[in-house]
Amino acid sequence: MKIPANTIRIAIATVIIVGTVAWLAFTGYGANKSYYVTIAELGGLGDKAYHSQLRVEGFVVPGSIEQNGTHVTFVLNEFESHSPKAPSGRLLKVTYKGSEPPPDTFKDNSQALAEGSYGRDGVFHASVLQAKCASKYAPAGPNQPGSMPAAAPKSNASAPATGAAKPAA
């Protein structure tokens, strides 16, 4: 029994297409993989730190932001500046050179996530920068601006049901 030539062509084309898609998926997965590390763990990675795509999270040190267009240089601390541990926290200098300016929430004391590579010069070279300010989205306390006042206790005084004032006699 002979297999028709059209069936062989379709089978070869299918194998080529499936093989190409599998190869693209495999190489794309390896290229986009990035490791999440803390500032403290970064120093312990050794040579792997210089050859891997990394994501590092920390808090922006107040007064360290130097911006020139879309290029930003700043310092991350592993602890928030108002934490008692902040003076002993490890610091990491970061340079961000992206096509977009940093987000609006990127300010002093904000929590930032930088994605890029660690250079042998001790500087983290970021191509992606994300920032958030947790205090901005935290619920307001009872005596802070933006909080609702506590409900006044109900009194037992009787008032007109309609709420209208009685005319003076």
C-alpha atoms as a PDB file:
ATOM      1  CA  MET A   1       0.000   0.000   0.000  1.00  0.00           C
ATOM      2  CA  LYS A   2       1.487   3.261  -1.162  1.00  0.00           C
ATOM      3  CA  ILE A   3       1.071   6.498   0.835  1.00  0.00           C
ATOM      4  CA  PRO A   4      -0.045   9.418  -1.317  1.00  0.00           C
ATOM      5  CA  ALA A   5       2.501  12.226  -1.890  1.00  0.00           C
ATOM      6  CA  ASN A   6       0.128  14.870  -0.468  1.00  0.00           C
ATOM      7  CA  THR A   7      -0.098  13.013   2.850  1.00  0.00           C
ATOM      8  CA  ILE A   8       3.707  12.866   3.124  1.00  0.00           C
ATOM      9  CA  ARG A   9       3.978  16.611   2.403  1.00  0.00           C
ATOM     10  CA  ILE A  10       1.351  17.446   5.039  1.00  0.00           C
ATOM     11  CA  ALA A  11       3.098  15.230   7.603  1.00  0.00           C
ATOM     12  CA  ILE A  12       6.489  16.867   6.926  1.00  0.00           C
ATOM     13  CA  ALA A  13       4.971  20.379   7.154  1.00  0.00           C
ATOM     14  CA  THR A  14       3.239  19.482  10.439  1.00  0.00           C
ATOM     15  CA  VAL A  15       6.462  18.128  11.952  1.00  0.00           C
ATOM     16  CA  ILE A  16       8.362  21.288  10.904  1.00  0.00           C
ATOM     17  CA  ILE A  17       5.679  23.607  12.365  1.00  0.00           C
ATOM     18  CA  VAL A  18       5.370  21.708  15.653  1.00  0.00           C
ATOM     19  CA  GLY A  19       9.176  21.506  15.954  1.00  0.00           C
ATOM     20  CA  THR A  20       9.570  25.240  15.343  1.00  0.00           C
ATOM     21  CA  VAL A  21       6.910  26.146  17.920  1.00  0.00           C
ATOM     22  CA  ALA A  22       8.514  23.817  20.490  1.00  0.00           C
ATOM     23  CA  TRP A  23      11.982  25.297  19.847  1.00  0.00           C
ATOM     24  CA  LEU A  24      10.669  28.886  20.192  1.00  0.00           C
ATOM     25  CA  ALA A  25       8.861  28.014  23.430  1.00  0.00           C
ATOM     26  CA  PHE A  26      11.959  26.371  24.908  1.00  0.00           C
ATOM     27  CA  THR A  27      14.372  29.190  24.008  1.00  0.00           C
ATOM     28  CA  GLY A  28      11.872  31.891  25.018  1.00  0.00           C
ATOM     29  CA  TYR A  29      11.381  30.310  28.426  1.00  0.00           C
ATOM     30  CA  GLY A  30      15.104  30.290  29.163  1.00  0.00           C
ATOM     31  CA  ALA A  31      15.625  33.844  27.941  1.00  0.00           C
ATOM     32  CA  ASN A  32      12.808  35.350  30.022  1.00  0.00           C
ATOM     33  CA  LYS A  33      13.542  33.513  33.239  1.00  0.00           C
ATOM     34  CA  SER A  34      14.660  35.773  36.078  1.00  0.00           C
ATOM     35  CA  TYR A  35      15.544  34.926  39.654  1.00  0.00           C
ATOM     36  CA  TYR A  36      14.090  36.884  42.577  1.00  0.00           C
ATOM     37  CA  VAL A  37      16.753  37.614  45.188  1.00  0.00           C
ATOM     38  CA  THR A  38      17.024  39.905  48.167  1.00  0.00           C
ATOM     39  CA  ILE A  39      19.870  42.388  48.481  1.00  0.00           C
ATOM     40  CA  ALA A  40      21.449  40.157  51.128  1.00  0.00           C
ATOM     41  CA  GLU A  41      21.273  37.076  48.864  1.00  0.00           C
ATOM     42  CA  LEU A  42      22.777  38.920  45.904  1.00  0.00           C
ATOM     43  CA  GLY A  43      26.268  38.903  47.410  1.00  0.00           C
ATOM     44  CA  GLY A  44      26.097  35.162  48.081  1.00  0.00           C
ATOM     45  CA  LEU A  45      25.303  34.163  44.496  1.00  0.00           C
ATOM     46  CA  GLY A  46      28.931  34.331  43.430  1.00  0.00           C
ATOM     47  CA  ASP A  47      29.639  34.167  39.706  1.00  0.00           C
ATOM     48  CA  LYS A  48      26.021  33.238  38.947  1.00  0.00           C
ATOM     49  CA  ALA A  49      24.974  36.804  39.883  1.00  0.00           C
ATOM     50  CA  TYR A  50      26.882  38.210  36.901  1.00  0.00           C
ATOM     51  CA  HIS A  51      25.349  35.866  34.325  1.00  0.00           C
ATOM     52  CA  SER A  52      21.691  35.732  35.366  1.00  0.00           C
ATOM     53  CA  GLN A  53      18.646  37.876  34.822  1.00  0.00           C
ATOM     54  CA  LEU A  54      17.667  38.962  38.350  1.00  0.00           C
ATOM     55  CA  ARG A  55      14.886  40.772  40.211  1.00  0.00           C
ATOM     56  CA  VAL A  56      15.874  42.625  43.382  1.00  0.00           C
ATOM     57  CA  GLU A  57      13.500  44.307  45.818  1.00  0.00           C
ATOM     58  CA  GLY A  58      14.267  46.954  48.399  1.00  0.00           C
ATOM     59  CA  PHE A  59      13.379  50.399  49.712  1.00  0.00           C
ATOM     60  CA  VAL A  60      14.583  53.587  48.007  1.00  0.00           C
ATOM     61  CA  VAL A  61      17.026  55.438  50.254  1.00  0.00           C
ATOM     62  CA  PRO A  62      15.788  59.026  50.800  1.00  0.00           C
ATOM     63  CA  GLY A  63      17.772  61.588  48.813  1.00  0.00           C
ATOM     64  CA  SER A  64      19.468  59.014  46.570  1.00  0.00           C
ATOM     65  CA  ILE A  65      17.341  59.464  43.430  1.00  0.00           C
ATOM     66  CA  GLU A  66      19.167  61.169  40.538  1.00  0.00           C
ATOM     67  CA  GLN A  67      17.000  61.368  37.423  1.00  0.00           C
ATOM     68  CA  ASN A  68      17.985  62.458  33.933  1.00  0.00           C
ATOM     69  CA  GLY A  69      15.031  61.857  31.603  1.00  0.00           C
ATOM     70  CA  THR A  70      14.256  58.153  31.575  1.00  0.00           C
ATOM     71  CA  HIS A  71      17.623  57.296  33.178  1.00  0.00           C
ATOM     72  CA  VAL A  72      17.610  57.044  36.974  1.00  0.00           C
ATOM     73  CA  THR A  73      20.303  56.208  39.513  1.00  0.00           C
ATOM     74  CA  PHE A  74      19.323  55.420  43.096  1.00  0.00           C
ATOM     75  CA  VAL A  75      20.209  53.285  46.105  1.00  0.00           C
ATOM     76  CA  LEU A  76      18.104  50.456  47.554  1.00  0.00           C
ATOM     77  CA  ASN A  77      18.214  49.423  51.207  1.00  0.00           C
ATOM     78  CA  GLU A  78      16.909  46.064  52.371  1.00  0.00           C
ATOM     79  CA  PHE A  79      15.022  47.809  55.214  1.00  0.00           C
ATOM     80  CA  GLU A  80      12.671  50.810  55.289  1.00  0.00           C
ATOM     81  CA  SER A  81      14.352  54.062  56.345  1.00  0.00           C
ATOM     82  CA  HIS A  82      12.224  54.454  59.480  1.00  0.00           C
ATOM     83  CA  SER A  83      13.036  50.907  60.634  1.00  0.00           C
ATOM     84  CA  PRO A  84      15.595  50.579  63.450  1.00  0.00           C
ATOM     85  CA  LYS A  85      17.412  48.032  61.241  1.00  0.00           C
ATOM     86  CA  ALA A  86      17.875  50.522  58.365  1.00  0.00           C
ATOM     87  CA  PRO A  87      21.363  51.779  59.359  1.00  0.00           C
ATOM     88  CA  SER A  88      22.680  48.198  59.327  1.00  0.00           C
ATOM     89  CA  GLY A  89      20.876  47.217  56.114  1.00  0.00           C
ATOM     90  CA  ARG A  90      22.770  46.258  52.990  1.00  0.00           C
ATOM     91  CA  LEU A  91      22.722  48.852  50.216  1.00  0.00           C
ATOM     92  CA  LEU A  92      22.631  48.340  46.459  1.00  0.00           C
ATOM     93  CA  LYS A  93      23.261  51.043  43.861  1.00  0.00           C
ATOM     94  CA  VAL A  94      20.900  50.722  40.903  1.00  0.00           C
ATOM     95  CA  THR A  95      21.007  52.360  37.486  1.00  0.00           C
ATOM     96  CA  TYR A  96      17.827  52.192  35.448  1.00  0.00           C
ATOM     97  CA  LYS A  97      18.030  52.849  31.730  1.00  0.00           C
ATOM     98  CA  GLY A  98      14.615  52.185  30.308  1.00  0.00           C
ATOM     99  CA  SER A  99      12.546  53.507  27.459  1.00  0.00           C
ATOM    100  CA  GLU A 100       9.924  54.840  29.876  1.00  0.00           C
ATOM    101  CA  PRO A 101      10.342  57.133  32.879  1.00  0.00           C
ATOM    102  CA  PRO A 102       9.985  55.561  36.328  1.00  0.00           C
ATOM    103  CA  PRO A 103       6.429  55.234  37.663  1.00  0.00           C
ATOM    104  CA  ASP A 104       4.795  58.058  39.638  1.00  0.00           C
ATOM    105  CA  THR A 105       4.968  56.006  42.835  1.00  0.00           C
ATOM    106  CA  PHE A 106       8.771  55.837  42.592  1.00  0.00           C
ATOM    107  CA  LYS A 107       9.815  58.215  45.387  1.00  0.00           C
ATOM    108  CA  ASP A 108      11.973  58.298  48.516  1.00  0.00           C
ATOM    109  CA  ASN A 109      11.107  55.439  50.916  1.00  0.00           C
ATOM    110  CA  SER A 110       9.000  53.633  48.304  1.00  0.00           C
ATOM    111  CA  GLN A 111       9.349  49.914  47.811  1.00  0.00           C
ATOM    112  CA  ALA A 112      10.926  49.197  44.428  1.00  0.00           C
ATOM    113  CA  LEU A 113      11.528  46.097  42.322  1.00  0.00           C
ATOM    114  CA  ALA A 114      14.344  46.313  39.777  1.00  0.00           C
ATOM    115  CA  GLU A 115      14.812  43.702  37.063  1.00  0.00           C
ATOM    116  CA  GLY A 116      18.092  43.424  35.205  1.00  0.00           C
ATOM    117  CA  SER A 117      21.650  42.215  35.720  1.00  0.00           C
ATOM    118  CA  TYR A 118      24.296  42.664  38.383  1.00  0.00           C
ATOM    119  CA  GLY A 119      27.543  44.104  37.076  1.00  0.00           C
ATOM    120  CA  ARG A 120      31.061  43.344  38.234  1.00  0.00           C
ATOM    121  CA  ASP A 121      31.283  47.031  39.190  1.00  0.00           C
ATOM    122  CA  GLY A 122      28.861  46.327  42.083  1.00  0.00           C
ATOM    123  CA  VAL A 123      26.014  48.220  40.419  1.00  0.00           C
ATOM    124  CA  PHE A 124      22.690  46.641  39.492  1.00  0.00           C
ATOM    125  CA  HIS A 125      21.773  47.568  35.892  1.00  0.00           C
ATOM    126  CA  ALA A 126      17.977  47.548  35.627  1.00  0.00           C
ATOM    127  CA  SER A 127      15.936  47.486  32.453  1.00  0.00           C
ATOM    128  CA  VAL A 128      12.563  47.256  34.256  1.00  0.00           C
ATOM    129  CA  LEU A 129      11.553  49.261  37.308  1.00  0.00           C
ATOM    130  CA  GLN A 130       8.397  48.873  39.388  1.00  0.00           C
ATOM    131  CA  ALA A 131       7.511  50.829  42.505  1.00  0.00           C
ATOM    132  CA  LYS A 132       4.782  50.936  45.054  1.00  0.00           C
ATOM    133  CA  CYS A 133       4.031  52.995  48.117  1.00  0.00           C
ATOM    134  CA  ALA A 134       2.316  50.750  50.641  1.00  0.00           C
ATOM    135  CA  SER A 135       1.403  53.614  52.970  1.00  0.00           C
ATOM    136  CA  LYS A 136      -0.624  55.279  50.211  1.00  0.00           C
ATOM    137  CA  TYR A 137      -3.001  52.316  49.997  1.00  0.00           C
ATOM    138  CA  ALA A 138      -3.150  51.442  53.698  1.00  0.00           C
ATOM    139  CA  PRO A 139      -6.418  52.158  55.474  1.00  0.00           C
ATOM    140  CA  ALA A 140      -6.403  55.403  57.416  1.00  0.00           C
ATOM    141  CA  GLY A 141      -6.334  55.211  61.200  1.00  0.00           C
ATOM    142  CA  PRO A 142      -9.059  56.765  63.372  1.00  0.00           C
ATOM    143  CA  ASN A 143      -7.297  60.144  63.816  1.00  0.00           C
ATOM    144  CA  GLN A 144      -5.602  60.453  60.424  1.00  0.00           C
ATOM    145  CA  PRO A 145      -6.656  62.635  57.500  1.00  0.00           C
ATOM    146  CA  GLY A 146      -9.097  60.914  55.208  1.00  0.00           C
ATOM    147  CA  SER A 147     -10.653  58.793  57.945  1.00  0.00           C
ATOM    148  CA  MET A 148     -14.341  58.882  58.717  1.00  0.00           C
ATOM    149  CA  PRO A 149     -15.298  60.455  62.063  1.00  0.00           C
ATOM    150  CA  ALA A 150     -16.779  58.129  64.617  1.00  0.00           C
ATOM    151  CA  ALA A 151     -20.571  58.085  64.707  1.00  0.00           C
ATOM    152  CA  ALA A 152     -22.020  60.367  67.362  1.00  0.00           C
ATOM    153  CA  PRO A 153     -23.917  58.560  70.101  1.00  0.00           C
ATOM    154  CA  LYS A 154     -27.683  58.762  69.800  1.00  0.00           C
ATOM    155  CA  SER A 155     -29.391  60.936  72.355  1.00  0.00           C
ATOM    156  CA  ASN A 156     -32.706  60.223  74.011  1.00  0.00           C
ATOM    157  CA  ALA A 157     -34.019  63.737  73.320  1.00  0.00           C
ATOM    158  CA  SER A 158     -37.202  63.703  71.329  1.00  0.00           C
ATOM    159  CA  ALA A 159     -37.259  65.547  68.052  1.00  0.00           C
ATOM    160  CA  PRO A 160     -40.027  66.186  65.579  1.00  0.00           C
ATOM    161  CA  ALA A 161     -40.477  63.261  63.224  1.00  0.00           C
ATOM    162  CA  THR A 162     -40.351  65.450  60.138  1.00  0.00           C
ATOM    163  CA  GLY A 163     -37.297  67.385  61.216  1.00  0.00           C
ATOM    164  CA  ALA A 164     -39.083  70.690  60.515  1.00  0.00           C
ATOM    165  CA  ALA A 165     -38.746  73.554  62.986  1.00  0.00           C
ATOM    166  CA  LYS A 166     -41.849  74.619  64.892  1.00  0.00           C
ATOM    167  CA  PRO A 167     -43.012  78.161  64.209  1.00  0.00           C
ATOM    168  CA  ALA A 168     -42.491  80.629  67.028  1.00  0.00           C
ATOM    169  CA  ALA A 169     -45.683  81.632  68.870  1.00  0.00           C
END
